[in-house]
Amino acid sequence: MGVARVEPPYRARLDLFLDNGETVAIAALVDDELRIPESLPTGLVPPAPLMWAALGVFRPGAGAEVLQGSVVDGTMEVRYRLRAGDQVGFRLRDDALRDAVLLNGDVVVQHVFVSEPAAGVGFPGEATYRNLPDYRELKLILESVEDVDSFPPDIWTPRG
């Protein structure tokens, strides 16, 4: 189980829990910065562009350099080089993000599959993150959306 908190334009937080309510992972995004507690292994959550993609947001990040792009039959594919040197690719169709990949050279090492946006909420109904070398998968399924007042500032700096 888990909860995602999103504060436009570019803040999001993901909290994941075990069946007994114990926190398993916390990650916050502030613009292009992924913030995780020191106790959490860095490879447990996807990098910022893929975390944004899981929320249906196309955001390669500041300083990303466009390497190539194409549009075929209404599907746009674009690839960027990130500041750290990695490459990230996105595929968009019908004005919505469909998937994103992190590449090591031309080899996909992490992948986010995004479903159609859920009716009336603007977020994907489902997103699946896969870390291929580590054989790890995280599936996010949208169950409900609740509009709330803004969150306290300390929520964007997870501790643990």
N, C-alpha and C. Protein backbone atom coordinates (compact mmCIF):
# COMPACT_ATOMS: atom_id res chain seq x y z
N MET A 1 0.85 -1.18 0.00
CA MET A 1 0.00 0.00 0.00
C MET A 1 0.89 1.23 0.00
N GLY A 2 0.31 2.34 -0.37
CA GLY A 2 1.08 3.56 -0.37
C GLY A 2 0.22 4.76 -0.64
N VAL A 3 0.88 5.90 -0.63
CA VAL A 3 0.21 7.17 -0.91
C VAL A 3 1.19 8.05 -1.68
N ALA A 4 0.66 8.72 -2.69
CA ALA A 4 1.43 9.71 -3.44
C ALA A 4 0.81 11.07 -3.15
N ARG A 5 1.66 12.03 -2.86
CA ARG A 5 1.19 13.39 -2.63
C ARG A 5 1.82 14.26 -3.71
N VAL A 6 1.00 15.02 -4.38
CA VAL A 6 1.48 15.84 -5.49
C VAL A 6 1.06 17.28 -5.23
N GLU A 7 2.04 18.19 -5.34
CA GLU A 7 1.78 19.61 -5.18
C GLU A 7 2.33 20.32 -6.41
N PRO A 8 1.43 20.70 -7.33
CA PRO A 8 1.90 21.37 -8.53
C PRO A 8 2.64 22.66 -8.20
N PRO A 9 3.62 23.08 -9.00
CA PRO A 9 3.85 22.43 -10.28
C PRO A 9 4.83 21.26 -10.22
N TYR A 10 5.82 21.27 -9.34
CA TYR A 10 6.81 20.19 -9.41
C TYR A 10 7.26 19.69 -8.05
N ARG A 11 6.32 19.20 -7.27
CA ARG A 11 6.64 18.53 -6.01
C ARG A 11 5.78 17.28 -5.90
N ALA A 12 6.40 16.20 -5.49
CA ALA A 12 5.67 14.96 -5.30
C ALA A 12 6.37 14.14 -4.24
N ARG A 13 5.61 13.30 -3.57
CA ARG A 13 6.17 12.42 -2.56
C ARG A 13 5.45 11.09 -2.63
N LEU A 14 6.23 10.02 -2.49
CA LEU A 14 5.69 8.66 -2.50
C LEU A 14 6.08 7.98 -1.20
N ASP A 15 5.08 7.45 -0.49
CA ASP A 15 5.30 6.69 0.74
C ASP A 15 4.73 5.29 0.51
N LEU A 16 5.53 4.27 0.78
CA LEU A 16 5.10 2.88 0.61
C LEU A 16 5.11 2.17 1.96
N PHE A 17 4.10 1.32 2.18
CA PHE A 17 3.92 0.65 3.47
C PHE A 17 3.72 -0.85 3.29
N LEU A 18 4.12 -1.61 4.30
CA LEU A 18 3.82 -3.04 4.37
C LEU A 18 2.36 -3.21 4.81
N ASP A 19 1.85 -4.43 4.76
CA ASP A 19 0.48 -4.71 5.19
C ASP A 19 0.22 -4.31 6.64
N ASN A 20 1.27 -4.34 7.48
CA ASN A 20 1.10 -3.99 8.89
C ASN A 20 1.23 -2.48 9.14
N GLY A 21 1.39 -1.68 8.08
CA GLY A 21 1.48 -0.23 8.22
C GLY A 21 2.89 0.31 8.35
N GLU A 22 3.88 -0.59 8.46
CA GLU A 22 5.27 -0.17 8.59
C GLU A 22 5.75 0.47 7.28
N THR A 23 6.46 1.59 7.38
CA THR A 23 6.98 2.29 6.21
C THR A 23 8.13 1.50 5.61
N VAL A 24 8.05 1.29 4.30
CA VAL A 24 9.09 0.57 3.56
C VAL A 24 10.00 1.55 2.84
N ALA A 25 9.41 2.58 2.22
CA ALA A 25 10.20 3.53 1.44
C ALA A 25 9.50 4.88 1.40
N ILE A 26 10.33 5.91 1.35
CA ILE A 26 9.85 7.28 1.21
C ILE A 26 10.75 7.95 0.19
N ALA A 27 10.14 8.66 -0.74
CA ALA A 27 10.91 9.42 -1.72
C ALA A 27 10.14 10.68 -2.06
N ALA A 28 10.85 11.78 -2.15
CA ALA A 28 10.22 13.05 -2.53
C ALA A 28 10.94 13.61 -3.75
N LEU A 29 10.18 14.25 -4.60
CA LEU A 29 10.72 14.95 -5.76
C LEU A 29 10.45 16.43 -5.58
N VAL A 30 11.50 17.22 -5.69
CA VAL A 30 11.35 18.67 -5.70
C VAL A 30 12.06 19.14 -6.96
N ASP A 31 11.25 19.58 -7.93
CA ASP A 31 11.74 19.88 -9.28
C ASP A 31 12.41 18.62 -9.83
N ASP A 32 13.72 18.66 -10.04
CA ASP A 32 14.43 17.52 -10.61
C ASP A 32 15.25 16.77 -9.57
N GLU A 33 15.11 17.13 -8.31
CA GLU A 33 15.90 16.51 -7.24
C GLU A 33 15.09 15.41 -6.56
N LEU A 34 15.68 14.21 -6.54
CA LEU A 34 15.08 13.09 -5.83
C LEU A 34 15.64 13.10 -4.41
N ARG A 35 14.76 13.16 -3.43
CA ARG A 35 15.16 13.19 -2.03
C ARG A 35 14.68 11.92 -1.34
N ILE A 36 15.64 11.19 -0.76
CA ILE A 36 15.31 9.98 -0.02
C ILE A 36 16.05 10.02 1.31
N PRO A 37 15.52 9.33 2.33
CA PRO A 37 16.23 9.28 3.60
C PRO A 37 17.58 8.58 3.44
N GLU A 38 18.54 8.92 4.28
CA GLU A 38 19.87 8.31 4.22
C GLU A 38 19.81 6.80 4.42
N SER A 39 18.81 6.33 5.15
CA SER A 39 18.70 4.90 5.45
C SER A 39 18.17 4.08 4.27
N LEU A 40 17.65 4.73 3.26
CA LEU A 40 17.07 4.02 2.12
C LEU A 40 18.14 3.79 1.06
N PRO A 41 18.31 2.56 0.58
CA PRO A 41 19.29 2.32 -0.50
C PRO A 41 18.93 3.16 -1.72
N THR A 42 19.93 3.77 -2.34
CA THR A 42 19.69 4.70 -3.45
C THR A 42 19.04 4.04 -4.66
N GLY A 43 19.27 2.78 -4.90
CA GLY A 43 18.71 2.13 -6.07
C GLY A 43 17.31 1.59 -5.90
N LEU A 44 16.70 1.83 -4.74
CA LEU A 44 15.38 1.26 -4.46
C LEU A 44 14.26 1.97 -5.22
N VAL A 45 14.41 3.25 -5.46
CA VAL A 45 13.39 4.02 -6.19
C VAL A 45 14.00 4.52 -7.50
N PRO A 46 13.15 4.74 -8.49
CA PRO A 46 13.67 5.19 -9.79
C PRO A 46 14.24 6.61 -9.73
N PRO A 47 15.10 6.95 -10.68
CA PRO A 47 15.62 8.31 -10.75
C PRO A 47 14.49 9.30 -11.06
N ALA A 48 14.73 10.57 -10.83
CA ALA A 48 13.69 11.60 -10.93
C ALA A 48 12.88 11.56 -12.23
N PRO A 49 13.49 11.49 -13.42
CA PRO A 49 12.66 11.48 -14.63
C PRO A 49 11.69 10.30 -14.68
N LEU A 50 12.09 9.15 -14.15
CA LEU A 50 11.20 7.98 -14.16
C LEU A 50 10.15 8.06 -13.05
N MET A 51 10.50 8.68 -11.92
CA MET A 51 9.49 8.89 -10.88
C MET A 51 8.40 9.83 -11.40
N TRP A 52 8.81 10.91 -12.07
CA TRP A 52 7.82 11.81 -12.66
C TRP A 52 6.97 11.05 -13.67
N ALA A 53 7.60 10.20 -14.48
CA ALA A 53 6.87 9.44 -15.50
C ALA A 53 5.82 8.54 -14.85
N ALA A 54 6.12 7.95 -13.70
CA ALA A 54 5.15 7.09 -13.02
C ALA A 54 3.89 7.87 -12.62
N LEU A 55 4.04 9.18 -12.48
CA LEU A 55 2.89 10.04 -12.17
C LEU A 55 2.25 10.60 -13.43
N GLY A 56 2.77 10.19 -14.59
CA GLY A 56 2.23 10.66 -15.86
C GLY A 56 2.80 11.98 -16.31
N VAL A 57 3.90 12.41 -15.67
CA VAL A 57 4.50 13.72 -15.98
C VAL A 57 5.72 13.53 -16.88
N PHE A 58 5.72 14.23 -18.00
CA PHE A 58 6.86 14.25 -18.92
C PHE A 58 7.81 15.33 -18.44
N ARG A 59 8.91 14.93 -17.82
CA ARG A 59 9.88 15.88 -17.27
C ARG A 59 11.27 15.27 -17.32
N PRO A 60 12.01 15.51 -18.41
CA PRO A 60 13.37 14.95 -18.50
C PRO A 60 14.34 15.59 -17.51
N GLY A 61 14.07 16.82 -17.10
CA GLY A 61 14.92 17.50 -16.12
C GLY A 61 15.67 18.66 -16.72
N ALA A 62 16.00 19.60 -15.86
CA ALA A 62 16.75 20.78 -16.28
C ALA A 62 18.11 20.35 -16.82
N GLY A 63 18.52 20.95 -17.89
CA GLY A 63 19.83 20.65 -18.46
C GLY A 63 19.86 19.40 -19.33
N ALA A 64 18.74 18.71 -19.48
CA ALA A 64 18.70 17.53 -20.34
C ALA A 64 18.87 17.98 -21.79
N GLU A 65 19.68 17.25 -22.53
CA GLU A 65 19.98 17.58 -23.92
C GLU A 65 19.23 16.62 -24.85
N VAL A 66 18.46 17.18 -25.78
CA VAL A 66 17.73 16.35 -26.73
C VAL A 66 18.73 15.67 -27.66
N LEU A 67 18.64 14.34 -27.76
CA LEU A 67 19.51 13.58 -28.66
C LEU A 67 18.80 13.21 -29.95
N GLN A 68 17.56 12.80 -29.85
CA GLN A 68 16.81 12.42 -31.05
C GLN A 68 15.33 12.41 -30.73
N GLY A 69 14.53 12.51 -31.77
CA GLY A 69 13.09 12.47 -31.60
C GLY A 69 12.43 12.10 -32.91
N SER A 70 11.24 11.53 -32.81
CA SER A 70 10.49 11.17 -34.00
C SER A 70 9.02 11.09 -33.66
N VAL A 71 8.19 11.24 -34.70
CA VAL A 71 6.75 11.04 -34.56
C VAL A 71 6.32 10.09 -35.67
N VAL A 72 5.72 8.97 -35.29
CA VAL A 72 5.24 7.98 -36.23
C VAL A 72 3.83 7.57 -35.83
N ASP A 73 2.90 7.74 -36.74
CA ASP A 73 1.49 7.35 -36.50
C ASP A 73 0.95 7.92 -35.19
N GLY A 74 1.25 9.17 -34.89
CA GLY A 74 0.73 9.83 -33.71
C GLY A 74 1.46 9.51 -32.42
N THR A 75 2.52 8.73 -32.49
CA THR A 75 3.31 8.42 -31.30
C THR A 75 4.65 9.16 -31.39
N MET A 76 4.94 9.95 -30.38
CA MET A 76 6.20 10.69 -30.33
C MET A 76 7.18 9.96 -29.43
N GLU A 77 8.40 9.78 -29.92
CA GLU A 77 9.48 9.23 -29.11
C GLU A 77 10.61 10.23 -29.09
N VAL A 78 11.15 10.46 -27.91
CA VAL A 78 12.24 11.41 -27.76
C VAL A 78 13.24 10.88 -26.74
N ARG A 79 14.52 11.13 -27.01
CA ARG A 79 15.58 10.65 -26.12
C ARG A 79 16.45 11.85 -25.71
N TYR A 80 16.84 11.86 -24.43
CA TYR A 80 17.65 12.94 -23.86
C TYR A 80 18.90 12.37 -23.21
N ARG A 81 19.94 13.19 -23.15
CA ARG A 81 21.10 12.89 -22.32
C ARG A 81 20.95 13.75 -21.06
N LEU A 82 21.02 13.10 -19.91
CA LEU A 82 20.92 13.81 -18.64
C LEU A 82 22.26 14.38 -18.24
N ARG A 83 22.24 15.31 -17.31
CA ARG A 83 23.49 15.93 -16.84
C ARG A 83 24.49 14.90 -16.34
N ALA A 84 24.00 13.83 -15.71
CA ALA A 84 24.88 12.80 -15.17
C ALA A 84 25.45 11.90 -16.26
N GLY A 85 24.97 12.07 -17.51
CA GLY A 85 25.49 11.28 -18.62
C GLY A 85 24.58 10.14 -19.04
N ASP A 86 23.65 9.75 -18.17
CA ASP A 86 22.68 8.71 -18.54
C ASP A 86 21.78 9.24 -19.65
N GLN A 87 21.08 8.32 -20.29
CA GLN A 87 20.10 8.71 -21.29
C GLN A 87 18.72 8.26 -20.82
N VAL A 88 17.73 9.06 -21.14
CA VAL A 88 16.35 8.74 -20.80
C VAL A 88 15.51 8.93 -22.05
N GLY A 89 14.58 8.00 -22.27
CA GLY A 89 13.70 8.09 -23.42
C GLY A 89 12.25 8.10 -22.98
N PHE A 90 11.42 8.79 -23.76
CA PHE A 90 9.99 8.90 -23.46
C PHE A 90 9.19 8.56 -24.71
N ARG A 91 8.03 7.97 -24.50
CA ARG A 91 7.09 7.73 -25.59
C ARG A 91 5.74 8.31 -25.18
N LEU A 92 5.21 9.18 -26.04
CA LEU A 92 3.94 9.85 -25.77
C LEU A 92 2.97 9.57 -26.90
N ARG A 93 1.68 9.36 -26.55
CA ARG A 93 0.64 9.13 -27.54
C ARG A 93 -0.66 9.72 -27.02
N ASP A 94 -1.43 10.32 -27.92
CA ASP A 94 -2.71 10.93 -27.53
C ASP A 94 -2.54 11.93 -26.39
N ASP A 95 -1.50 12.75 -26.49
CA ASP A 95 -1.23 13.79 -25.50
C ASP A 95 -0.97 13.26 -24.09
N ALA A 96 -0.53 12.02 -23.98
CA ALA A 96 -0.24 11.44 -22.66
C ALA A 96 1.05 10.62 -22.71
N LEU A 97 1.77 10.64 -21.63
CA LEU A 97 2.98 9.83 -21.50
C LEU A 97 2.59 8.36 -21.41
N ARG A 98 3.26 7.51 -22.16
CA ARG A 98 2.95 6.08 -22.16
C ARG A 98 4.05 5.25 -21.50
N ASP A 99 5.32 5.63 -21.74
CA ASP A 99 6.39 4.95 -21.03
C ASP A 99 7.65 5.78 -21.07
N ALA A 100 8.57 5.43 -20.18
CA ALA A 100 9.86 6.10 -20.07
C ALA A 100 10.90 5.04 -19.75
N VAL A 101 12.11 5.24 -20.25
CA VAL A 101 13.19 4.29 -20.02
C VAL A 101 14.46 5.02 -19.63
N LEU A 102 15.27 4.36 -18.81
CA LEU A 102 16.62 4.81 -18.52
C LEU A 102 17.54 3.84 -19.25
N LEU A 103 18.49 4.40 -19.99
CA LEU A 103 19.35 3.57 -20.84
C LEU A 103 20.80 3.66 -20.39
N ASN A 104 21.49 2.55 -20.52
CA ASN A 104 22.93 2.48 -20.36
C ASN A 104 23.44 2.18 -21.76
N GLY A 105 23.91 3.20 -22.47
CA GLY A 105 24.21 3.06 -23.89
C GLY A 105 22.88 2.91 -24.61
N ASP A 106 22.71 1.81 -25.33
CA ASP A 106 21.44 1.53 -26.00
C ASP A 106 20.64 0.44 -25.29
N VAL A 107 21.06 0.06 -24.08
CA VAL A 107 20.40 -1.00 -23.34
C VAL A 107 19.47 -0.40 -22.28
N VAL A 108 18.20 -0.80 -22.30
CA VAL A 108 17.24 -0.33 -21.30
C VAL A 108 17.56 -1.02 -19.98
N VAL A 109 17.78 -0.22 -18.92
CA VAL A 109 18.06 -0.79 -17.60
C VAL A 109 16.92 -0.54 -16.61
N GLN A 110 16.11 0.49 -16.87
CA GLN A 110 14.94 0.75 -16.03
C GLN A 110 13.83 1.21 -16.96
N HIS A 111 12.60 0.81 -16.61
CA HIS A 111 11.48 1.08 -17.50
C HIS A 111 10.24 1.41 -16.67
N VAL A 112 9.49 2.42 -17.10
CA VAL A 112 8.21 2.75 -16.49
C VAL A 112 7.15 2.64 -17.57
N PHE A 113 6.14 1.79 -17.34
CA PHE A 113 4.99 1.65 -18.23
C PHE A 113 3.85 2.43 -17.60
N VAL A 114 3.19 3.26 -18.38
CA VAL A 114 2.12 4.11 -17.85
C VAL A 114 0.82 3.82 -18.60
N SER A 115 -0.27 3.62 -17.85
CA SER A 115 -1.57 3.34 -18.47
C SER A 115 -2.23 4.64 -18.91
N GLU A 116 -3.41 4.48 -19.47
CA GLU A 116 -4.22 5.64 -19.84
C GLU A 116 -4.50 6.48 -18.59
N PRO A 117 -4.63 7.79 -18.77
CA PRO A 117 -5.02 8.60 -17.61
C PRO A 117 -6.39 8.16 -17.09
N ALA A 118 -6.52 8.13 -15.78
CA ALA A 118 -7.79 7.76 -15.16
C ALA A 118 -8.81 8.87 -15.43
N ALA A 119 -10.05 8.51 -15.62
CA ALA A 119 -11.10 9.46 -15.97
C ALA A 119 -11.23 10.57 -14.93
N GLY A 120 -11.12 11.80 -15.40
CA GLY A 120 -11.39 12.96 -14.57
C GLY A 120 -10.32 13.38 -13.58
N VAL A 121 -9.20 12.66 -13.49
CA VAL A 121 -8.19 13.03 -12.49
C VAL A 121 -6.86 13.46 -13.09
N GLY A 122 -6.58 13.08 -14.32
CA GLY A 122 -5.35 13.50 -14.97
C GLY A 122 -4.11 12.69 -14.62
N PHE A 123 -4.24 11.71 -13.75
CA PHE A 123 -3.13 10.84 -13.40
C PHE A 123 -3.36 9.47 -14.04
N PRO A 124 -2.28 8.73 -14.32
CA PRO A 124 -2.46 7.39 -14.87
C PRO A 124 -3.21 6.49 -13.89
N GLY A 125 -4.02 5.59 -14.43
CA GLY A 125 -4.71 4.63 -13.59
C GLY A 125 -3.75 3.62 -12.99
N GLU A 126 -2.64 3.39 -13.70
CA GLU A 126 -1.65 2.42 -13.25
C GLU A 126 -0.29 2.76 -13.86
N ALA A 127 0.76 2.52 -13.10
CA ALA A 127 2.13 2.66 -13.60
C ALA A 127 2.97 1.54 -13.01
N THR A 128 3.86 0.99 -13.84
CA THR A 128 4.73 -0.08 -13.39
C THR A 128 6.18 0.32 -13.65
N TYR A 129 6.99 0.28 -12.60
CA TYR A 129 8.43 0.56 -12.70
C TYR A 129 9.17 -0.75 -12.61
N ARG A 130 10.11 -0.95 -13.53
CA ARG A 130 10.95 -2.15 -13.50
C ARG A 130 12.42 -1.76 -13.55
N ASN A 131 13.17 -2.29 -12.60
CA ASN A 131 14.63 -2.20 -12.62
C ASN A 131 15.09 -3.54 -13.15
N LEU A 132 15.50 -3.58 -14.41
CA LEU A 132 15.79 -4.85 -15.07
C LEU A 132 17.02 -5.57 -14.51
N PRO A 133 18.15 -4.90 -14.28
CA PRO A 133 19.31 -5.63 -13.75
C PRO A 133 19.06 -6.21 -12.36
N ASP A 134 18.27 -5.51 -11.53
CA ASP A 134 18.01 -5.97 -10.16
C ASP A 134 16.76 -6.84 -10.04
N TYR A 135 16.04 -7.08 -11.14
CA TYR A 135 14.82 -7.88 -11.13
C TYR A 135 13.83 -7.37 -10.09
N ARG A 136 13.63 -6.05 -10.10
CA ARG A 136 12.75 -5.43 -9.12
C ARG A 136 11.60 -4.74 -9.86
N GLU A 137 10.39 -4.82 -9.30
CA GLU A 137 9.23 -4.19 -9.91
C GLU A 137 8.39 -3.51 -8.84
N LEU A 138 7.87 -2.34 -9.18
CA LEU A 138 6.96 -1.61 -8.31
C LEU A 138 5.76 -1.22 -9.15
N LYS A 139 4.57 -1.63 -8.71
CA LYS A 139 3.34 -1.32 -9.44
C LYS A 139 2.54 -0.33 -8.62
N LEU A 140 2.16 0.78 -9.25
CA LEU A 140 1.33 1.80 -8.62
C LEU A 140 -0.04 1.76 -9.27
N ILE A 141 -1.08 1.61 -8.46
CA ILE A 141 -2.45 1.56 -8.95
C ILE A 141 -3.24 2.66 -8.26
N LEU A 142 -3.81 3.54 -9.06
CA LEU A 142 -4.58 4.65 -8.52
C LEU A 142 -5.92 4.15 -8.02
N GLU A 143 -6.17 4.34 -6.73
CA GLU A 143 -7.45 3.93 -6.14
C GLU A 143 -8.36 5.11 -5.87
N SER A 144 -7.76 6.24 -5.48
CA SER A 144 -8.58 7.42 -5.20
C SER A 144 -7.71 8.67 -5.27
N VAL A 145 -8.36 9.79 -5.46
CA VAL A 145 -7.71 11.10 -5.46
C VAL A 145 -8.47 11.99 -4.51
N GLU A 146 -7.73 12.67 -3.66
CA GLU A 146 -8.34 13.58 -2.69
C GLU A 146 -7.64 14.92 -2.79
N ASP A 147 -8.39 15.98 -3.04
CA ASP A 147 -7.82 17.32 -3.05
C ASP A 147 -7.72 17.83 -1.62
N VAL A 148 -6.53 18.34 -1.28
CA VAL A 148 -6.30 18.85 0.07
C VAL A 148 -5.59 20.20 -0.02
N ASP A 149 -5.55 20.91 1.12
CA ASP A 149 -4.77 22.15 1.18
C ASP A 149 -3.30 21.79 0.99
N SER A 150 -2.45 22.77 0.81
CA SER A 150 -1.02 22.50 0.59
C SER A 150 -0.41 21.77 1.79
N PHE A 151 0.68 21.07 1.50
CA PHE A 151 1.36 20.27 2.51
C PHE A 151 2.38 21.12 3.26
N PRO A 152 2.75 20.74 4.49
CA PRO A 152 3.78 21.47 5.22
C PRO A 152 5.13 21.32 4.50
N PRO A 153 5.98 22.34 4.55
CA PRO A 153 7.26 22.33 3.81
C PRO A 153 8.17 21.16 4.16
N ASP A 154 8.15 20.67 5.40
CA ASP A 154 9.07 19.60 5.78
C ASP A 154 8.73 18.26 5.15
N ILE A 155 7.56 18.14 4.54
CA ILE A 155 7.19 16.87 3.88
C ILE A 155 8.09 16.59 2.68
N TRP A 156 8.69 17.61 2.11
CA TRP A 156 9.51 17.46 0.91
C TRP A 156 10.95 17.10 1.23
N THR A 157 11.28 16.94 2.51
CA THR A 157 12.60 16.48 2.93
C THR A 157 12.40 15.28 3.85
N PRO A 158 12.24 14.08 3.24
CA PRO A 158 11.95 12.89 4.05
C PRO A 158 13.12 12.51 4.96
N ARG A 159 12.76 12.08 6.14
CA ARG A 159 13.74 11.63 7.11
C ARG A 159 13.44 10.17 7.44
N GLY A 160 14.43 9.46 7.91
CA GLY A 160 14.15 8.08 8.30
C GLY A 160 15.40 7.25 8.26
